[in-house]
């Protein structure tokens, strides 16, 4: 009698079954200490720039260091779900980017791909590119890739990222210039300059616990707790947060089909999509050559209003 061939049943991936890697909760200082203790030694087969296959047990996640998005505001479950299904249908995903630290690898870019592997209960090796750079460079590379990938950073994310970079320095000893932070975070230089001024004020005033302050908390602290002056940025943040809560409450899947969302917004207000694009577009330096002739004087300079 012929022996019946056994089939392996694959667990179906569902949105309710989304899983994420455990976060170590480590800070930049803690990872830096590990690097110092290992004297720069890299894990076995960890040649910088090489594509390697890693076991899940050797991969670590440190969100405080390498993740720049607000996890509560990013509708990433659908993205993880699609990636998890892809691993079951087509195999391995694009390599994640990792920083070797002692005998482990920390994810710089690819947190959603790692979550997809875990969700799909992937049994094979996980392809990764070993980052060729320092810890500081890896932190900034994580920001650059966050700004480029499909789950683009919100205005709140970019503002928080800029504030985080400002807090890495001290008055008179900034690791990044204003223009560099503005470029990395896709935010205005004026905002970065104001952040530096607030950070300097807090340092000079010797406030306690300033490293843990959000940008809003820092503004409030520098202004004085008893000051009741109108803060436009705080007002905008509060109204935006209320609107985001309403969207989540009614379970409006705005990101599932961006084309439908864009058409719906245009139906509500034909001018809204253009206004949103103007808000999100990085500010460009003033260029008088792009002005109409009637806006310039005889010397080619902008006419006063």
C-alpha atoms as a PDB file:
ATOM      1  CA  UNK A   1       0.000   0.000   0.000  1.00  0.00           C
ATOM      2  CA  UNK A   2       1.425   3.335  -1.025  1.00  0.00           C
ATOM      3  CA  UNK A   3       2.308   5.636   1.810  1.00  0.00           C
ATOM      4  CA  UNK A   4       0.165   8.773   1.835  1.00  0.00           C
ATOM      5  CA  UNK A   5       2.147  11.954   1.336  1.00  0.00           C
ATOM      6  CA  UNK A   6       1.937  14.274   4.300  1.00  0.00           C
ATOM      7  CA  UNK A   7       1.168  17.927   3.694  1.00  0.00           C
ATOM      8  CA  UNK A   8       2.258  20.799   5.860  1.00  0.00           C
ATOM      9  CA  UNK A   9      -0.563  23.185   6.639  1.00  0.00           C
ATOM     10  CA  UNK A  10       0.545  26.764   6.704  1.00  0.00           C
ATOM     11  CA  UNK A  11      -1.013  29.090   9.263  1.00  0.00           C
ATOM     12  CA  UNK A  12      -3.148  31.742   7.595  1.00  0.00           C
ATOM     13  CA  UNK A  13      -1.972  35.304   8.152  1.00  0.00           C
ATOM     14  CA  UNK A  14      -4.704  37.571   9.502  1.00  0.00           C
ATOM     15  CA  UNK A  15      -4.777  41.208  10.522  1.00  0.00           C
ATOM     16  CA  UNK A  16      -5.750  40.116  14.009  1.00  0.00           C
ATOM     17  CA  UNK A  17      -2.585  38.003  14.157  1.00  0.00           C
ATOM     18  CA  UNK A  18      -0.100  40.814  13.584  1.00  0.00           C
ATOM     19  CA  UNK A  19       2.992  40.401  15.769  1.00  0.00           C
ATOM     20  CA  UNK A  20       5.896  42.728  16.423  1.00  0.00           C
ATOM     21  CA  UNK A  21       9.407  42.133  17.750  1.00  0.00           C
ATOM     22  CA  UNK A  22      10.083  42.810  21.408  1.00  0.00           C
ATOM     23  CA  UNK A  23      11.697  46.197  21.994  1.00  0.00           C
ATOM     24  CA  UNK A  24      14.752  46.209  24.258  1.00  0.00           C
ATOM     25  CA  UNK A  25      13.978  49.732  25.454  1.00  0.00           C
ATOM     26  CA  UNK A  26      17.674  50.600  25.234  1.00  0.00           C
ATOM     27  CA  UNK A  27      18.935  54.156  24.849  1.00  0.00           C
ATOM     28  CA  UNK A  28      21.729  55.554  22.718  1.00  0.00           C
ATOM     29  CA  UNK A  29      23.988  55.676  25.780  1.00  0.00           C
ATOM     30  CA  UNK A  30      23.409  52.010  26.587  1.00  0.00           C
ATOM     31  CA  UNK A  31      24.151  50.857  23.044  1.00  0.00           C
ATOM     32  CA  UNK A  32      27.214  53.121  22.947  1.00  0.00           C
ATOM     33  CA  UNK A  33      28.433  51.454  26.148  1.00  0.00           C
ATOM     34  CA  UNK A  34      28.035  48.028  24.546  1.00  0.00           C
ATOM     35  CA  UNK A  35      30.024  49.151  21.530  1.00  0.00           C
ATOM     36  CA  UNK A  36      32.757  50.513  23.771  1.00  0.00           C
ATOM     37  CA  UNK A  37      32.863  47.300  25.825  1.00  0.00           C
ATOM     38  CA  UNK A  38      33.203  45.190  22.688  1.00  0.00           C
ATOM     39  CA  UNK A  39      36.103  47.417  21.530  1.00  0.00           C
ATOM     40  CA  UNK A  40      34.552  47.764  18.104  1.00  0.00           C
ATOM     41  CA  UNK A  41      34.539  44.019  17.530  1.00  0.00           C
ATOM     42  CA  UNK A  42      31.910  42.979  14.983  1.00  0.00           C
ATOM     43  CA  UNK A  43      29.895  39.753  15.169  1.00  0.00           C
ATOM     44  CA  UNK A  44      31.042  36.804  13.098  1.00  0.00           C
ATOM     45  CA  UNK A  45      30.324  37.200   9.357  1.00  0.00           C
ATOM     46  CA  UNK A  46      29.490  40.867   9.930  1.00  0.00           C
ATOM     47  CA  UNK A  47      31.609  42.483   7.255  1.00  0.00           C
ATOM     48  CA  UNK A  48      30.335  46.031   6.758  1.00  0.00           C
ATOM     49  CA  UNK A  49      28.170  46.401   3.652  1.00  0.00           C
ATOM     50  CA  UNK A  50      27.723  42.660   3.249  1.00  0.00           C
ATOM     51  CA  UNK A  51      24.345  40.979   2.804  1.00  0.00           C
ATOM     52  CA  UNK A  52      24.081  38.292   5.442  1.00  0.00           C
ATOM     53  CA  UNK A  53      21.433  35.885   6.705  1.00  0.00           C
ATOM     54  CA  UNK A  54      20.644  36.328  10.371  1.00  0.00           C
ATOM     55  CA  UNK A  55      18.744  34.238  12.853  1.00  0.00           C
ATOM     56  CA  UNK A  56      15.829  35.998  14.518  1.00  0.00           C
ATOM     57  CA  UNK A  57      17.395  35.405  17.943  1.00  0.00           C
ATOM     58  CA  UNK A  58      20.369  37.592  16.947  1.00  0.00           C
ATOM     59  CA  UNK A  59      18.304  40.620  15.875  1.00  0.00           C
ATOM     60  CA  UNK A  60      17.421  43.372  18.330  1.00  0.00           C
ATOM     61  CA  UNK A  61      15.031  46.345  18.185  1.00  0.00           C
ATOM     62  CA  UNK A  62      15.704  49.595  20.072  1.00  0.00           C
ATOM     63  CA  UNK A  63      12.851  51.922  19.197  1.00  0.00           C
ATOM     64  CA  UNK A  64      14.130  54.833  21.285  1.00  0.00           C
ATOM     65  CA  UNK A  65      17.259  54.892  19.154  1.00  0.00           C
ATOM     66  CA  UNK A  66      16.289  53.895  15.619  1.00  0.00           C
ATOM     67  CA  UNK A  67      12.550  54.500  15.223  1.00  0.00           C
ATOM     68  CA  UNK A  68      11.461  58.040  14.479  1.00  0.00           C
ATOM     69  CA  UNK A  69       7.726  57.672  13.891  1.00  0.00           C
ATOM     70  CA  UNK A  70       5.042  57.927  16.540  1.00  0.00           C
ATOM     71  CA  UNK A  71       3.791  54.295  16.648  1.00  0.00           C
ATOM     72  CA  UNK A  72       0.343  55.399  17.803  1.00  0.00           C
ATOM     73  CA  UNK A  73      -0.141  57.554  14.709  1.00  0.00           C
ATOM     74  CA  UNK A  74       1.152  55.206  12.011  1.00  0.00           C
ATOM     75  CA  UNK A  75      -1.463  52.771  10.612  1.00  0.00           C
ATOM     76  CA  UNK A  76       1.179  50.087  10.007  1.00  0.00           C
ATOM     77  CA  UNK A  77      -0.860  46.904  10.611  1.00  0.00           C
ATOM     78  CA  UNK A  78      -2.027  46.800   6.985  1.00  0.00           C
ATOM     79  CA  UNK A  79       1.554  47.233   5.790  1.00  0.00           C
ATOM     80  CA  UNK A  80       2.825  44.426   8.046  1.00  0.00           C
ATOM     81  CA  UNK A  81      -0.081  42.230   6.951  1.00  0.00           C
ATOM     82  CA  UNK A  82       0.748  42.698   3.256  1.00  0.00           C
ATOM     83  CA  UNK A  83       4.448  42.007   3.880  1.00  0.00           C
ATOM     84  CA  UNK A  84       3.663  38.882   5.929  1.00  0.00           C
ATOM     85  CA  UNK A  85       1.503  37.507   3.116  1.00  0.00           C
ATOM     86  CA  UNK A  86       4.323  38.268   0.682  1.00  0.00           C
ATOM     87  CA  UNK A  87       6.760  36.159   2.704  1.00  0.00           C
ATOM     88  CA  UNK A  88       4.405  33.202   2.422  1.00  0.00           C
ATOM     89  CA  UNK A  89       3.750  33.719  -1.276  1.00  0.00           C
ATOM     90  CA  UNK A  90       7.101  34.805  -2.669  1.00  0.00           C
ATOM     91  CA  UNK A  91       9.672  34.107   0.045  1.00  0.00           C
ATOM     92  CA  UNK A  92      12.217  36.507   1.530  1.00  0.00           C
ATOM     93  CA  UNK A  93      11.727  40.277   1.573  1.00  0.00           C
ATOM     94  CA  UNK A  94      14.240  43.007   0.770  1.00  0.00           C
ATOM     95  CA  UNK A  95      17.152  43.011   3.245  1.00  0.00           C
ATOM     96  CA  UNK A  96      16.764  44.968   6.448  1.00  0.00           C
ATOM     97  CA  UNK A  97      19.557  47.342   7.520  1.00  0.00           C
ATOM     98  CA  UNK A  98      21.347  46.486  10.776  1.00  0.00           C
ATOM     99  CA  UNK A  99      24.089  47.820  13.021  1.00  0.00           C
ATOM    100  CA  UNK A 100      26.370  45.172  14.583  1.00  0.00           C
ATOM    101  CA  UNK A 101      26.772  45.647  18.333  1.00  0.00           C
ATOM    102  CA  UNK A 102      28.829  43.084  20.287  1.00  0.00           C
ATOM    103  CA  UNK A 103      27.311  39.750  19.202  1.00  0.00           C
ATOM    104  CA  UNK A 104      23.908  41.098  18.093  1.00  0.00           C
ATOM    105  CA  UNK A 105      22.443  43.194  15.289  1.00  0.00           C
ATOM    106  CA  UNK A 106      20.198  46.231  15.855  1.00  0.00           C
ATOM    107  CA  UNK A 107      17.605  47.139  13.223  1.00  0.00           C
ATOM    108  CA  UNK A 108      18.207  50.551  11.630  1.00  0.00           C
ATOM    109  CA  UNK A 109      15.647  50.167   8.838  1.00  0.00           C
ATOM    110  CA  UNK A 110      13.193  47.324   8.276  1.00  0.00           C
ATOM    111  CA  UNK A 111      11.125  47.167  11.456  1.00  0.00           C
ATOM    112  CA  UNK A 112       7.952  46.367   9.491  1.00  0.00           C
ATOM    113  CA  UNK A 113       9.715  43.661   7.483  1.00  0.00           C
ATOM    114  CA  UNK A 114      10.967  42.092  10.714  1.00  0.00           C
ATOM    115  CA  UNK A 115       7.431  42.205  12.141  1.00  0.00           C
ATOM    116  CA  UNK A 116       6.170  40.558   8.940  1.00  0.00           C
ATOM    117  CA  UNK A 117       8.641  37.684   9.306  1.00  0.00           C
ATOM    118  CA  UNK A 118       7.498  37.155  12.899  1.00  0.00           C
ATOM    119  CA  UNK A 119       3.816  37.377  11.933  1.00  0.00           C
ATOM    120  CA  UNK A 120       4.290  34.839   9.135  1.00  0.00           C
ATOM    121  CA  UNK A 121       6.267  32.551  11.489  1.00  0.00           C
ATOM    122  CA  UNK A 122       9.175  32.575   9.063  1.00  0.00           C
ATOM    123  CA  UNK A 123      11.601  29.721   9.738  1.00  0.00           C
ATOM    124  CA  UNK A 124      14.479  30.673   7.487  1.00  0.00           C
ATOM    125  CA  UNK A 125      17.238  33.221   7.777  1.00  0.00           C
ATOM    126  CA  UNK A 126      16.505  36.940   7.567  1.00  0.00           C
ATOM    127  CA  UNK A 127      18.488  38.798   4.930  1.00  0.00           C
ATOM    128  CA  UNK A 128      20.223  41.935   6.194  1.00  0.00           C
ATOM    129  CA  UNK A 129      22.762  44.528   5.103  1.00  0.00           C
ATOM    130  CA  UNK A 130      25.443  45.357   7.675  1.00  0.00           C
ATOM    131  CA  UNK A 131      25.693  49.131   8.126  1.00  0.00           C
ATOM    132  CA  UNK A 132      29.114  50.635   7.577  1.00  0.00           C
ATOM    133  CA  UNK A 133      29.219  53.546  10.003  1.00  0.00           C
ATOM    134  CA  UNK A 134      29.181  54.759  13.596  1.00  0.00           C
ATOM    135  CA  UNK A 135      26.255  54.649  16.022  1.00  0.00           C
ATOM    136  CA  UNK A 136      25.578  58.369  15.464  1.00  0.00           C
ATOM    137  CA  UNK A 137      25.572  57.823  11.707  1.00  0.00           C
ATOM    138  CA  UNK A 138      23.232  54.857  12.110  1.00  0.00           C
ATOM    139  CA  UNK A 139      20.771  56.966  14.122  1.00  0.00           C
ATOM    140  CA  UNK A 140      20.656  59.575  11.368  1.00  0.00           C
ATOM    141  CA  UNK A 141      20.445  56.931   8.642  1.00  0.00           C
ATOM    142  CA  UNK A 142      17.345  55.579  10.388  1.00  0.00           C
ATOM    143  CA  UNK A 143      15.796  59.045  10.154  1.00  0.00           C
ATOM    144  CA  UNK A 144      16.640  59.391   6.462  1.00  0.00           C
ATOM    145  CA  UNK A 145      15.123  56.013   5.599  1.00  0.00           C
ATOM    146  CA  UNK A 146      12.016  56.794   7.681  1.00  0.00           C
ATOM    147  CA  UNK A 147      11.494  59.917   5.597  1.00  0.00           C
ATOM    148  CA  UNK A 148      11.877  58.010   2.325  1.00  0.00           C
ATOM    149  CA  UNK A 149       9.815  54.871   2.843  1.00  0.00           C
ATOM    150  CA  UNK A 150       6.146  54.295   2.005  1.00  0.00           C
ATOM    151  CA  UNK A 151       4.816  55.037   5.478  1.00  0.00           C
ATOM    152  CA  UNK A 152       5.913  58.653   5.296  1.00  0.00           C
ATOM    153  CA  UNK A 153       6.483  60.592   8.490  1.00  0.00           C
ATOM    154  CA  UNK A 154       3.784  62.984   9.623  1.00  0.00           C
ATOM    155  CA  UNK A 155       4.441  66.636  10.402  1.00  0.00           C
ATOM    156  CA  UNK A 156       4.316  65.745  14.105  1.00  0.00           C
ATOM    157  CA  UNK A 157       6.875  62.968  13.550  1.00  0.00           C
ATOM    158  CA  UNK A 158       9.228  65.295  11.671  1.00  0.00           C
ATOM    159  CA  UNK A 159       8.924  67.985  14.332  1.00  0.00           C
ATOM    160  CA  UNK A 160       9.599  65.459  17.100  1.00  0.00           C
ATOM    161  CA  UNK A 161      12.595  64.139  15.141  1.00  0.00           C
ATOM    162  CA  UNK A 162      14.065  67.620  14.765  1.00  0.00           C
ATOM    163  CA  UNK A 163      13.618  68.293  18.487  1.00  0.00           C
ATOM    164  CA  UNK A 164      15.270  64.967  19.291  1.00  0.00           C
ATOM    165  CA  UNK A 165      18.287  65.864  17.145  1.00  0.00           C
ATOM    166  CA  UNK A 166      18.541  69.299  18.773  1.00  0.00           C
ATOM    167  CA  UNK A 167      18.562  67.640  22.214  1.00  0.00           C
ATOM    168  CA  UNK A 168      21.564  65.542  21.204  1.00  0.00           C
ATOM    169  CA  UNK A 169      23.702  68.665  21.421  1.00  0.00           C
ATOM    170  CA  UNK A 170      24.519  71.425  23.869  1.00  0.00           C
ATOM    171  CA  UNK A 171      24.552  75.180  23.313  1.00  0.00           C
ATOM    172  CA  UNK A 172      27.660  75.970  21.303  1.00  0.00           C
ATOM    173  CA  UNK A 173      28.382  72.288  20.594  1.00  0.00           C
ATOM    174  CA  UNK A 174      25.761  71.109  18.128  1.00  0.00           C
ATOM    175  CA  UNK A 175      26.553  67.856  16.267  1.00  0.00           C
ATOM    176  CA  UNK A 176      24.275  68.907  13.391  1.00  0.00           C
ATOM    177  CA  UNK A 177      23.837  72.295  11.745  1.00  0.00           C
ATOM    178  CA  UNK A 178      20.442  73.957  11.440  1.00  0.00           C
ATOM    179  CA  UNK A 179      20.348  73.263   7.704  1.00  0.00           C
ATOM    180  CA  UNK A 180      21.327  69.600   8.202  1.00  0.00           C
ATOM    181  CA  UNK A 181      18.516  69.037  10.720  1.00  0.00           C
ATOM    182  CA  UNK A 182      16.055  70.878   8.486  1.00  0.00           C
ATOM    183  CA  UNK A 183      17.037  68.692   5.529  1.00  0.00           C
ATOM    184  CA  UNK A 184      16.975  65.403   7.449  1.00  0.00           C
ATOM    185  CA  UNK A 185      13.612  66.123   9.056  1.00  0.00           C
ATOM    186  CA  UNK A 186      12.049  67.974   6.105  1.00  0.00           C
ATOM    187  CA  UNK A 187      11.184  70.917   8.334  1.00  0.00           C
ATOM    188  CA  UNK A 188      11.776  74.668   8.207  1.00  0.00           C
ATOM    189  CA  UNK A 189      15.095  76.111   9.376  1.00  0.00           C
ATOM    190  CA  UNK A 190      13.196  78.763  11.371  1.00  0.00           C
ATOM    191  CA  UNK A 191      11.617  76.037  13.493  1.00  0.00           C
ATOM    192  CA  UNK A 192      14.988  74.377  14.100  1.00  0.00           C
ATOM    193  CA  UNK A 193      16.488  77.729  15.073  1.00  0.00           C
ATOM    194  CA  UNK A 194      13.671  78.286  17.575  1.00  0.00           C
ATOM    195  CA  UNK A 195      14.235  74.796  18.996  1.00  0.00           C
ATOM    196  CA  UNK A 196      17.901  75.602  19.576  1.00  0.00           C
ATOM    197  CA  UNK A 197      16.945  78.839  21.310  1.00  0.00           C
ATOM    198  CA  UNK A 198      14.503  77.025  23.616  1.00  0.00           C
ATOM    199  CA  UNK A 199      17.056  74.284  24.340  1.00  0.00           C
ATOM    200  CA  UNK A 200      19.653  76.949  25.203  1.00  0.00           C
ATOM    201  CA  UNK A 201      17.179  78.691  27.520  1.00  0.00           C
ATOM    202  CA  UNK A 202      16.439  75.445  29.347  1.00  0.00           C
ATOM    203  CA  UNK A 203      20.149  74.651  29.731  1.00  0.00           C
ATOM    204  CA  UNK A 204      20.995  78.099  31.032  1.00  0.00           C
ATOM    205  CA  UNK A 205      18.092  77.926  33.481  1.00  0.00           C
ATOM    206  CA  UNK A 206      19.325  74.542  34.734  1.00  0.00           C
ATOM    207  CA  UNK A 207      15.883  72.965  34.565  1.00  0.00           C
ATOM    208  CA  UNK A 208      15.726  69.334  35.692  1.00  0.00           C
ATOM    209  CA  UNK A 209      14.676  66.500  33.403  1.00  0.00           C
ATOM    210  CA  UNK A 210      14.864  68.577  30.230  1.00  0.00           C
ATOM    211  CA  UNK A 211      16.101  65.595  28.206  1.00  0.00           C
ATOM    212  CA  UNK A 212      12.678  63.955  28.555  1.00  0.00           C
ATOM    213  CA  UNK A 213      10.634  67.010  27.538  1.00  0.00           C
ATOM    214  CA  UNK A 214       8.655  66.947  24.308  1.00  0.00           C
ATOM    215  CA  UNK A 215       8.845  70.000  22.055  1.00  0.00           C
ATOM    216  CA  UNK A 216       5.513  71.274  23.403  1.00  0.00           C
ATOM    217  CA  UNK A 217       6.577  70.668  27.016  1.00  0.00           C
ATOM    218  CA  UNK A 218       9.854  72.468  26.350  1.00  0.00           C
ATOM    219  CA  UNK A 219       8.050  75.514  24.952  1.00  0.00           C
ATOM    220  CA  UNK A 220       5.689  75.572  27.927  1.00  0.00           C
ATOM    221  CA  UNK A 221       8.552  75.203  30.409  1.00  0.00           C
ATOM    222  CA  UNK A 222      10.654  77.931  28.807  1.00  0.00           C
ATOM    223  CA  UNK A 223       7.637  80.278  28.750  1.00  0.00           C
ATOM    224  CA  UNK A 224       6.816  79.643  32.411  1.00  0.00           C
ATOM    225  CA  UNK A 225       4.021  77.464  33.768  1.00  0.00           C
ATOM    226  CA  UNK A 226       1.924  80.440  34.873  1.00  0.00           C
ATOM    227  CA  UNK A 227       2.035  82.177  31.523  1.00  0.00           C
ATOM    228  CA  UNK A 228      -1.318  82.037  29.739  1.00  0.00           C
ATOM    229  CA  UNK A 229      -0.247  83.579  26.445  1.00  0.00           C
ATOM    230  CA  UNK A 230      -1.778  82.043  23.339  1.00  0.00           C
ATOM    231  CA  UNK A 231       0.492  79.395  21.820  1.00  0.00           C
ATOM    232  CA  UNK A 232      -0.485  78.865  18.194  1.00  0.00           C
ATOM    233  CA  UNK A 233       1.572  75.676  17.800  1.00  0.00           C
ATOM    234  CA  UNK A 234      -0.041  74.096  20.885  1.00  0.00           C
ATOM    235  CA  UNK A 235      -3.491  75.120  19.646  1.00  0.00           C
ATOM    236  CA  UNK A 236      -2.816  73.560  16.235  1.00  0.00           C
ATOM    237  CA  UNK A 237      -1.485  70.355  17.810  1.00  0.00           C
ATOM    238  CA  UNK A 238      -4.529  70.019  20.059  1.00  0.00           C
ATOM    239  CA  UNK A 239      -7.001  70.554  17.213  1.00  0.00           C
ATOM    240  CA  UNK A 240      -5.074  68.128  14.988  1.00  0.00           C
ATOM    241  CA  UNK A 241      -5.010  65.524  17.759  1.00  0.00           C
ATOM    242  CA  UNK A 242      -8.771  65.837  18.210  1.00  0.00           C
ATOM    243  CA  UNK A 243      -9.305  65.355  14.465  1.00  0.00           C
ATOM    244  CA  UNK A 244      -6.977  62.313  14.455  1.00  0.00           C
ATOM    245  CA  UNK A 245      -8.962  60.833  17.363  1.00  0.00           C
ATOM    246  CA  UNK A 246     -12.206  61.323  15.425  1.00  0.00           C
ATOM    247  CA  UNK A 247     -10.734  59.600  12.378  1.00  0.00           C
ATOM    248  CA  UNK A 248      -9.617  56.638  14.485  1.00  0.00           C
ATOM    249  CA  UNK A 249     -12.932  56.534  16.347  1.00  0.00           C
ATOM    250  CA  UNK A 250     -14.875  56.145  13.115  1.00  0.00           C
ATOM    251  CA  UNK A 251     -12.238  53.731  11.778  1.00  0.00           C
ATOM    252  CA  UNK A 252     -11.615  55.672   8.602  1.00  0.00           C
ATOM    253  CA  UNK A 253      -8.909  53.751   6.736  1.00  0.00           C
ATOM    254  CA  UNK A 254      -7.397  56.777   5.031  1.00  0.00           C
ATOM    255  CA  UNK A 255      -4.133  55.037   4.158  1.00  0.00           C
ATOM    256  CA  UNK A 256      -5.551  51.785   2.775  1.00  0.00           C
ATOM    257  CA  UNK A 257      -6.275  53.304  -0.622  1.00  0.00           C
ATOM    258  CA  UNK A 258      -4.681  56.759  -0.991  1.00  0.00           C
ATOM    259  CA  UNK A 259      -6.351  57.313  -4.379  1.00  0.00           C
ATOM    260  CA  UNK A 260      -9.828  56.932  -2.869  1.00  0.00           C
ATOM    261  CA  UNK A 261      -8.859  59.178   0.028  1.00  0.00           C
ATOM    262  CA  UNK A 262      -7.545  61.863  -2.352  1.00  0.00           C
ATOM    263  CA  UNK A 263     -10.732  61.767  -4.421  1.00  0.00           C
ATOM    264  CA  UNK A 264     -12.904  61.960  -1.288  1.00  0.00           C
ATOM    265  CA  UNK A 265     -11.011  64.994   0.015  1.00  0.00           C
ATOM    266  CA  UNK A 266     -11.347  66.682  -3.354  1.00  0.00           C
ATOM    267  CA  UNK A 267     -15.116  66.071  -3.273  1.00  0.00           C
ATOM    268  CA  UNK A 268     -15.305  67.725   0.154  1.00  0.00           C
ATOM    269  CA  UNK A 269     -13.165  70.695  -0.878  1.00  0.00           C
ATOM    270  CA  UNK A 270     -11.630  70.930  -4.372  1.00  0.00           C
ATOM    271  CA  UNK A 271      -8.803  73.128  -3.076  1.00  0.00           C
ATOM    272  CA  UNK A 272      -7.876  70.949  -0.085  1.00  0.00           C
ATOM    273  CA  UNK A 273      -5.455  68.492  -1.826  1.00  0.00           C
ATOM    274  CA  UNK A 274      -3.373  71.385  -3.202  1.00  0.00           C
ATOM    275  CA  UNK A 275      -3.283  73.070   0.219  1.00  0.00           C
ATOM    276  CA  UNK A 276      -2.152  69.828   1.850  1.00  0.00           C
ATOM    277  CA  UNK A 277       0.597  69.360  -0.741  1.00  0.00           C
ATOM    278  CA  UNK A 278       1.793  72.904  -0.146  1.00  0.00           C
ATOM    279  CA  UNK A 279       1.901  72.240   3.614  1.00  0.00           C
ATOM    280  CA  UNK A 280       3.889  69.010   3.287  1.00  0.00           C
ATOM    281  CA  UNK A 281       6.309  70.193   0.579  1.00  0.00           C
ATOM    282  CA  UNK A 282       9.716  71.144   2.025  1.00  0.00           C
ATOM    283  CA  UNK A 283      10.302  74.878   2.037  1.00  0.00           C
ATOM    284  CA  UNK A 284      12.667  75.979  -0.701  1.00  0.00           C
ATOM    285  CA  UNK A 285      15.158  78.856  -0.506  1.00  0.00           C
ATOM    286  CA  UNK A 286      13.940  82.139  -1.952  1.00  0.00           C
ATOM    287  CA  UNK A 287      14.838  82.427  -5.632  1.00  0.00           C
ATOM    288  CA  UNK A 288      14.176  85.840  -7.221  1.00  0.00           C
ATOM    289  CA  UNK A 289      14.613  84.327 -10.691  1.00  0.00           C
ATOM    290  CA  UNK A 290      11.316  82.504 -10.192  1.00  0.00           C
ATOM    291  CA  UNK A 291       9.363  85.738  -9.635  1.00  0.00           C
ATOM    292  CA  UNK A 292       7.312  87.473 -12.306  1.00  0.00           C
ATOM    293  CA  UNK A 293       8.890  90.548 -13.927  1.00  0.00           C
ATOM    294  CA  UNK A 294       6.271  92.906 -12.473  1.00  0.00           C
ATOM    295  CA  UNK A 295       7.262  91.742  -8.972  1.00  0.00           C
ATOM    296  CA  UNK A 296      10.881  92.922  -9.433  1.00  0.00           C
ATOM    297  CA  UNK A 297      12.307  96.438  -9.536  1.00  0.00           C
ATOM    298  CA  UNK A 298      14.790  97.834 -12.080  1.00  0.00           C
ATOM    299  CA  UNK A 299      17.703  96.139 -10.273  1.00  0.00           C
ATOM    300  CA  UNK A 300      16.033  92.769 -10.253  1.00  0.00           C
ATOM    301  CA  UNK A 301      15.132  92.874  -6.576  1.00  0.00           C
ATOM    302  CA  UNK A 302      11.640  92.095  -5.170  1.00  0.00           C
ATOM    303  CA  UNK A 303       9.422  95.182  -4.993  1.00  0.00           C
ATOM    304  CA  UNK A 304       8.244  96.100  -1.495  1.00  0.00           C
ATOM    305  CA  UNK A 305       4.602  95.355  -0.714  1.00  0.00           C
END
